[in-house]
Protein backbone atom coordinates (compact mmCIF):
# COMPACT_ATOMS: atom_id res chain seq x y z
CA MET A 1 -29.01 64.73 -54.81
CA ALA A 2 -27.51 61.63 -56.08
CA GLY A 3 -27.28 58.83 -53.62
CA VAL A 4 -23.87 57.74 -52.40
CA ALA A 5 -23.07 54.10 -52.35
CA VAL A 6 -20.17 52.89 -50.21
CA LEU A 7 -18.99 49.52 -51.18
CA PHE A 8 -16.85 47.40 -48.79
CA GLY A 9 -14.79 44.81 -50.45
CA ALA A 10 -14.17 41.41 -48.94
CA PHE A 11 -12.10 41.53 -45.73
CA SER A 12 -10.11 38.63 -44.42
CA ALA A 13 -8.11 38.45 -41.20
CA VAL A 14 -5.56 35.70 -40.68
CA LEU A 15 -4.63 35.01 -37.08
CA VAL A 16 -1.10 33.64 -36.70
CA PRO A 17 -0.68 31.70 -33.43
CA GLN A 18 2.21 32.57 -31.23
CA ALA A 19 4.81 29.84 -31.03
CA ALA A 20 4.53 27.96 -27.73
CA ALA A 21 7.37 28.64 -25.35
CA GLN A 22 9.74 25.71 -25.25
CA PRO A 23 10.86 24.42 -21.85
CA ALA A 24 14.43 25.23 -20.96
CA THR A 25 17.12 22.57 -21.10
CA SER A 26 17.82 20.75 -17.85
CA THR A 27 20.72 18.71 -16.54
CA THR A 28 20.41 15.99 -13.88
CA THR A 29 23.27 14.66 -11.78
CA LEU A 30 23.18 11.87 -9.19
CA THR A 31 25.19 11.10 -6.07
CA ALA A 32 24.99 8.12 -3.70
CA GLU A 33 26.15 8.15 -0.10
CA PRO A 34 27.82 5.94 0.88
CA PRO A 35 28.90 4.63 -2.56
CA SER A 36 30.23 1.39 -1.07
CA PRO A 37 27.91 0.45 1.81
CA THR A 38 27.83 -2.75 3.79
CA PHE A 39 24.71 -4.91 3.42
CA GLY A 40 22.07 -3.62 5.81
CA ASP A 41 23.16 0.03 5.57
CA PRO A 42 20.81 2.63 4.02
CA VAL A 43 21.96 4.47 0.89
CA THR A 44 20.95 8.10 0.30
CA LEU A 45 20.44 9.04 -3.36
CA THR A 46 20.46 12.74 -4.28
CA ALA A 47 19.38 13.98 -7.72
CA THR A 48 20.35 17.58 -8.53
CA VAL A 49 18.45 19.20 -11.42
CA THR A 50 19.73 22.43 -12.98
CA CYS A 51 17.55 24.31 -15.47
CA ALA A 52 18.67 27.22 -17.67
CA GLY A 53 16.91 30.32 -16.35
CA ALA A 54 14.04 28.55 -14.59
CA GLN A 55 13.25 26.80 -11.32
CA PRO A 56 12.79 23.05 -11.94
CA GLY A 57 9.78 21.43 -10.29
CA GLY A 58 8.10 18.03 -10.18
CA THR A 59 9.70 14.72 -9.27
CA ALA A 60 12.77 12.64 -9.95
CA GLY A 61 12.62 8.86 -10.25
CA PHE A 62 15.44 6.52 -9.29
CA THR A 63 15.92 3.26 -11.17
CA THR A 64 18.29 0.32 -11.18
CA GLU A 65 18.63 -2.79 -13.33
CA GLY A 66 15.62 -4.46 -11.76
CA GLY A 67 13.26 -1.47 -12.01
CA SER A 68 12.12 1.45 -9.89
CA LEU A 69 13.61 2.22 -6.49
CA GLY A 70 11.14 5.05 -5.92
CA ASP A 71 10.40 8.73 -6.60
CA ALA A 72 11.07 11.93 -4.66
CA MET A 73 9.80 15.51 -4.96
CA LEU A 74 12.22 18.21 -6.03
CA GLN A 75 12.99 20.87 -3.42
CA PRO A 76 14.37 24.30 -4.48
CA ALA A 77 18.06 24.86 -3.78
CA ASP A 78 18.95 27.90 -5.96
CA PRO A 79 16.88 29.94 -8.47
CA ASP A 80 17.73 27.46 -11.23
CA THR A 81 18.47 24.33 -9.17
CA ALA A 82 16.48 21.80 -7.14
CA THR A 83 17.28 18.50 -5.44
CA ALA A 84 15.35 15.29 -4.76
CA VAL A 85 16.52 12.90 -2.04
CA LEU A 86 15.56 9.23 -1.63
CA THR A 87 16.91 6.88 1.03
CA VAL A 88 17.02 3.25 -0.11
CA TYR A 89 17.07 0.31 2.29
CA GLY A 90 17.84 -3.35 1.72
CA LEU A 91 20.01 -3.22 -1.41
CA ALA A 92 21.38 -6.69 -2.01
CA PRO A 93 25.14 -7.33 -2.01
CA GLY A 94 26.81 -6.66 -5.34
CA ALA A 95 27.06 -3.78 -7.81
CA HIS A 96 23.96 -1.74 -8.69
CA SER A 97 23.92 0.78 -11.57
CA ILE A 98 21.48 3.53 -10.55
CA THR A 99 20.17 6.49 -12.57
CA ALA A 100 18.00 9.49 -11.73
CA ASP A 101 15.28 10.51 -14.22
CA TYR A 102 13.81 14.01 -14.05
CA GLY A 103 10.37 14.05 -15.67
CA GLY A 104 10.36 17.76 -16.50
CA ASP A 105 7.62 20.37 -16.09
CA ALA A 106 6.22 23.34 -18.04
CA SER A 107 9.43 25.33 -17.60
CA CYS A 108 12.14 22.68 -17.69
CA ALA A 109 12.67 19.76 -20.05
CA ALA A 110 13.22 16.20 -18.85
CA SER A 111 16.72 14.82 -18.37
CA THR A 112 18.50 11.71 -17.10
CA SER A 113 21.68 11.47 -15.06
CA ASP A 114 24.69 9.38 -15.87
CA PRO A 115 24.60 6.08 -13.97
CA VAL A 116 26.19 5.82 -10.55
CA VAL A 117 27.40 2.41 -9.37
CA VAL A 118 26.72 1.49 -5.74
CA THR A 119 28.59 -1.61 -4.59
CA VAL A 120 27.14 -3.32 -1.52
CA ALA A 121 29.65 -5.43 0.38
CA ALA A 122 29.07 -8.50 2.54
CA GLU A 123 31.15 -11.41 3.71
CA GLU A 124 30.30 -14.44 1.58
CA SER A 125 29.83 -17.98 2.80
CA GLY A 126 30.01 -21.22 0.84
CA PRO A 127 28.85 -24.70 1.96
CA VAL A 128 28.60 -24.88 5.75
CA THR A 129 28.57 -27.83 8.12
CA GLY A 130 27.06 -27.05 11.51
CA SER A 131 25.37 -23.95 12.84
CA VAL A 132 26.28 -20.43 11.72
CA ASP A 133 26.46 -17.43 14.06
CA ILE A 134 26.14 -14.16 12.16
CA THR A 135 27.39 -11.02 13.89
CA GLU A 136 28.41 -9.04 10.78
CA PRO A 137 26.92 -8.60 7.29
CA THR A 138 26.99 -12.01 5.58
CA THR A 139 25.79 -13.45 2.27
CA LEU A 140 24.83 -17.08 1.69
CA LEU A 141 25.61 -17.69 -1.98
CA PRO A 142 23.07 -19.38 -4.27
CA GLY A 143 23.30 -23.13 -3.77
CA THR A 144 24.73 -22.85 -0.25
CA ILE A 145 23.57 -25.60 2.12
CA VAL A 146 23.80 -24.97 5.86
CA LEU A 147 23.67 -28.24 7.78
CA GLY A 148 22.47 -26.61 10.96
CA SER A 149 20.80 -23.49 12.27
CA VAL A 150 21.53 -19.83 11.49
CA ASN A 151 21.64 -17.34 14.37
CA ILE A 152 21.75 -13.56 13.82
CA SER A 153 22.61 -11.07 16.56
CA GLY A 154 24.47 -7.85 17.32
CA ALA A 155 25.51 -6.09 14.10
CA GLY A 156 24.64 -9.14 12.02
CA ALA A 157 22.81 -8.87 8.70
CA LEU A 158 22.01 -11.81 6.44
CA ASN A 159 21.41 -11.91 2.70
CA ALA A 160 20.34 -15.42 1.64
CA GLU A 161 19.61 -16.03 -2.05
CA GLY A 162 18.90 -19.53 -3.29
CA ALA A 163 20.23 -21.05 -0.05
CA ARG A 164 19.04 -24.16 1.81
CA ILE A 165 19.15 -24.13 5.59
CA ILE A 166 18.66 -27.51 7.28
CA GLY A 167 17.60 -25.99 10.56
CA ALA A 168 16.03 -22.89 12.07
CA VAL A 169 16.82 -19.24 11.34
CA THR A 170 16.74 -17.18 14.53
CA ALA A 171 17.45 -13.46 14.84
CA THR A 172 17.68 -11.80 18.25
CA GLY A 173 18.74 -8.35 17.11
CA GLY A 174 20.69 -7.58 13.95
CA THR A 175 20.50 -4.88 11.30
CA GLY A 176 18.87 -6.59 8.32
CA LEU A 177 17.55 -9.83 6.83
CA ARG A 178 16.93 -10.43 3.14
CA MET A 179 15.82 -13.93 2.13
CA CYS A 180 15.05 -14.75 -1.51
CA GLU A 181 14.19 -18.07 -3.19
CA SER A 182 15.59 -19.98 -0.20
CA THR A 183 14.41 -22.96 1.83
CA VAL A 184 14.35 -23.13 5.64
CA LEU A 185 13.74 -26.60 7.10
CA GLY A 186 12.94 -25.17 10.51
CA ARG A 187 11.28 -22.18 12.11
CA LEU A 188 12.02 -18.61 11.03
CA SER A 189 12.02 -16.37 14.11
CA VAL A 190 12.98 -12.69 13.97
CA SER A 191 12.86 -10.42 17.02
CA GLY A 192 14.46 -7.16 18.02
CA MET A 193 15.90 -6.42 14.57
CA ASP A 194 16.44 -2.77 13.64
CA GLY A 195 16.45 -2.48 9.85
CA VAL A 196 14.80 -4.03 6.80
CA VAL A 197 13.38 -7.55 7.06
CA GLN A 198 12.53 -8.67 3.53
CA ILE A 199 11.24 -12.24 3.21
CA GLY A 200 10.45 -12.29 -0.51
CA ASP A 201 9.40 -9.24 -2.51
CA THR A 202 8.34 -9.72 -6.13
CA ASP A 203 7.56 -6.01 -6.57
CA ALA A 204 10.91 -4.63 -5.48
CA GLY A 205 13.22 -2.73 -7.78
CA ILE A 206 15.61 -5.63 -7.25
CA PRO A 207 13.32 -8.70 -7.36
CA CYS A 208 13.42 -11.15 -4.45
CA GLU A 209 11.50 -14.35 -5.16
CA GLY A 210 9.53 -16.02 -2.36
CA ASN A 211 10.78 -18.73 -0.03
CA ASN A 212 9.78 -22.14 1.35
CA ILE A 213 9.64 -22.18 5.15
CA PHE A 214 8.83 -25.51 6.77
CA GLY A 215 8.57 -24.60 10.45
CA GLY A 216 6.31 -21.58 10.66
CA ALA A 217 7.45 -17.99 11.17
CA GLY A 218 7.29 -15.39 13.92
CA PHE A 219 8.21 -11.69 13.92
CA THR A 220 8.27 -9.79 17.22
CA ASN A 221 9.38 -6.31 18.34
CA ASN A 222 11.19 -5.44 15.13
CA THR A 223 11.78 -1.80 14.19
CA GLY A 224 12.26 -0.56 10.64
CA TYR A 225 10.42 -2.30 7.83
CA LEU A 226 8.99 -5.82 7.50
CA GLU A 227 7.76 -7.54 4.35
CA LEU A 228 6.57 -11.11 3.66
CA ASP A 229 5.73 -11.60 0.01
CA ASP A 230 4.90 -14.70 -2.05
CA ASN A 231 6.22 -17.27 0.45
CA ARG A 232 5.01 -20.78 1.18
CA VAL A 233 4.93 -21.43 4.93
CA LEU A 234 4.20 -24.81 6.52
CA GLY A 235 3.08 -23.75 9.97
CA SER A 236 1.59 -20.70 11.63
CA VAL A 237 2.74 -17.10 11.11
CA THR A 238 2.65 -14.47 13.86
CA LEU A 239 3.45 -10.75 13.76
CA THR A 240 3.55 -9.04 17.15
CA ASP A 241 4.49 -5.50 18.20
CA ASN A 242 6.47 -4.60 15.07
CA THR A 243 6.90 -0.89 14.27
CA THR A 244 7.42 0.63 10.81
CA THR A 245 9.85 3.54 11.13
CA ILE A 246 11.42 3.75 7.66
CA SER A 247 9.99 3.97 4.16
CA VAL A 248 10.84 1.38 1.54
CA PRO A 249 9.52 2.48 -1.89
CA PRO A 250 8.17 1.84 -4.38
CA ASP A 251 5.54 -0.74 -3.43
CA ASN A 252 4.29 -0.03 0.11
CA PRO A 253 6.37 2.36 2.12
CA ASP A 254 4.24 2.91 5.21
CA ALA A 255 3.38 -0.40 6.89
CA THR A 256 4.33 -4.02 7.36
CA GLU A 257 3.37 -5.87 4.19
CA VAL A 258 1.99 -9.43 4.25
CA THR A 259 1.22 -10.20 0.62
CA ALA A 260 0.33 -13.20 -1.57
CA ASN A 261 1.69 -15.82 0.83
CA THR A 262 0.40 -19.39 1.08
CA ILE A 263 0.24 -20.34 4.76
CA PHE A 264 -0.57 -23.89 5.86
CA GLY A 265 -1.51 -22.81 9.36
CA SER A 266 -2.91 -19.74 11.10
CA LEU A 267 -2.05 -16.05 10.61
CA ALA A 268 -2.20 -13.86 13.72
CA CYS A 269 -1.18 -10.20 14.04
CA THR A 270 -1.37 -7.98 17.15
CA GLY A 271 0.12 -4.70 18.30
CA ASN A 272 1.81 -3.75 15.03
CA THR A 273 2.19 -0.01 14.27
CA PRO A 274 0.73 0.73 11.79
CA PRO A 275 -1.41 -2.38 11.12
CA PRO A 276 -0.16 -4.73 8.38
CA THR A 277 -1.52 -4.56 4.84
CA ASN A 278 -1.72 -6.97 1.90
CA SER A 279 -1.51 -4.14 -0.69
CA GLY A 280 -4.45 -5.63 -2.56
CA GLU A 281 -2.88 -9.09 -2.96
CA PRO A 282 -4.62 -11.46 -0.49
CA ASN A 283 -2.89 -14.33 1.25
CA THR A 284 -4.11 -17.92 1.07
CA VAL A 285 -4.39 -19.16 4.66
CA TYR A 286 -5.36 -22.77 5.46
CA GLY A 287 -6.25 -21.90 9.04
CA SER A 288 -7.59 -18.94 10.99
CA SER A 289 -6.68 -15.30 10.32
CA THR A 290 -7.03 -13.15 13.42
CA GLY A 291 -6.30 -9.74 14.90
CA GLN A 292 -4.87 -7.13 12.57
CA CYS A 293 -4.51 -9.77 9.84
CA ALA A 294 -8.12 -10.97 9.95
CA GLU A 295 -8.86 -9.42 6.54
CA LEU A 296 -5.50 -10.07 4.86
C-alpha cells in the first residue's frame, strides 16, 4: 500500500490589536461663593465635572495668576457628574482670575473651566500720621507709611503690602492679618485672632514676600491658621497656645508653619495644637530654640 504523505503548507496568523477605548469627553465648570468677599472672608470654590456616559473620578486643581491654590477630590453627584470643593482663606484684596483643572482618569478626559473672577474688597489707606485703629477690613497700600502704631480688634482685618509702620502692630482679636514685604519698627503682637495670620509666604498661590520686624513677635491664643515664612526678626519670637482649625493649601494645610525665618533672638513655642512645623525649610535662629520649636 502506497504511503500517504500529508503536506501542511506554511501557516501565518496575524493578530490585530483592539483599539484602546478612548476616554469620554468631559466638561468642567467653576463657581466661587461669595464672588465678591471682604478681605478675611473664606471663599468656597466648587468645580463641577460632567462626563459623557461615565462617572468622573480623580481630582480637580484650582489655580490663580500666582500659581496653585490647592487640589480637591471629586465626589459623585449624578451618574455622569462629580464635584470638588476647596475653601480658600487669605486671598489678598483685588481681583483674582481662578480656574479649575480636571486631570481626567481612565474613563473621562481632562478639561479646564472658564476663569471665574473673585474680587476681594477692603478699605484702602494712604499715608497716615498717628496711630491707626482697625475694626474693619483694611489695606495699607504699597509705600504707605504709618507714623504710629496699628491696632486691630473686633471685625478688623489688615492686609499690608510694602508698608512701613513706625510703631508696633498689635492685634487683640480680628479676623485676619496678611503682611507682605513690609517693615514694622516695633513689636508684632497677635492674640485672639480667628482667621488666617500670614506673615510672609513665598510658597502661596499668591506670593507674599517676607517682612522686616524690628521689635520681636508674639502669637498667642489664635484660632485658624498661622504662618511665618522668610521674615527677618530683630528680637525673640514666641508662639503660645495657637490652634489650627482650618486648612490653607497648597503648602502646609495642617499646622502652624514657621519656615525659613532669620531670628536675631530666641524662638520659643508651647501649647500649640498641632505642634508647629518648618516644612523642611529650617529657620536661622541666633539664640535658643525651645519647646515645640526646638528642632525648627
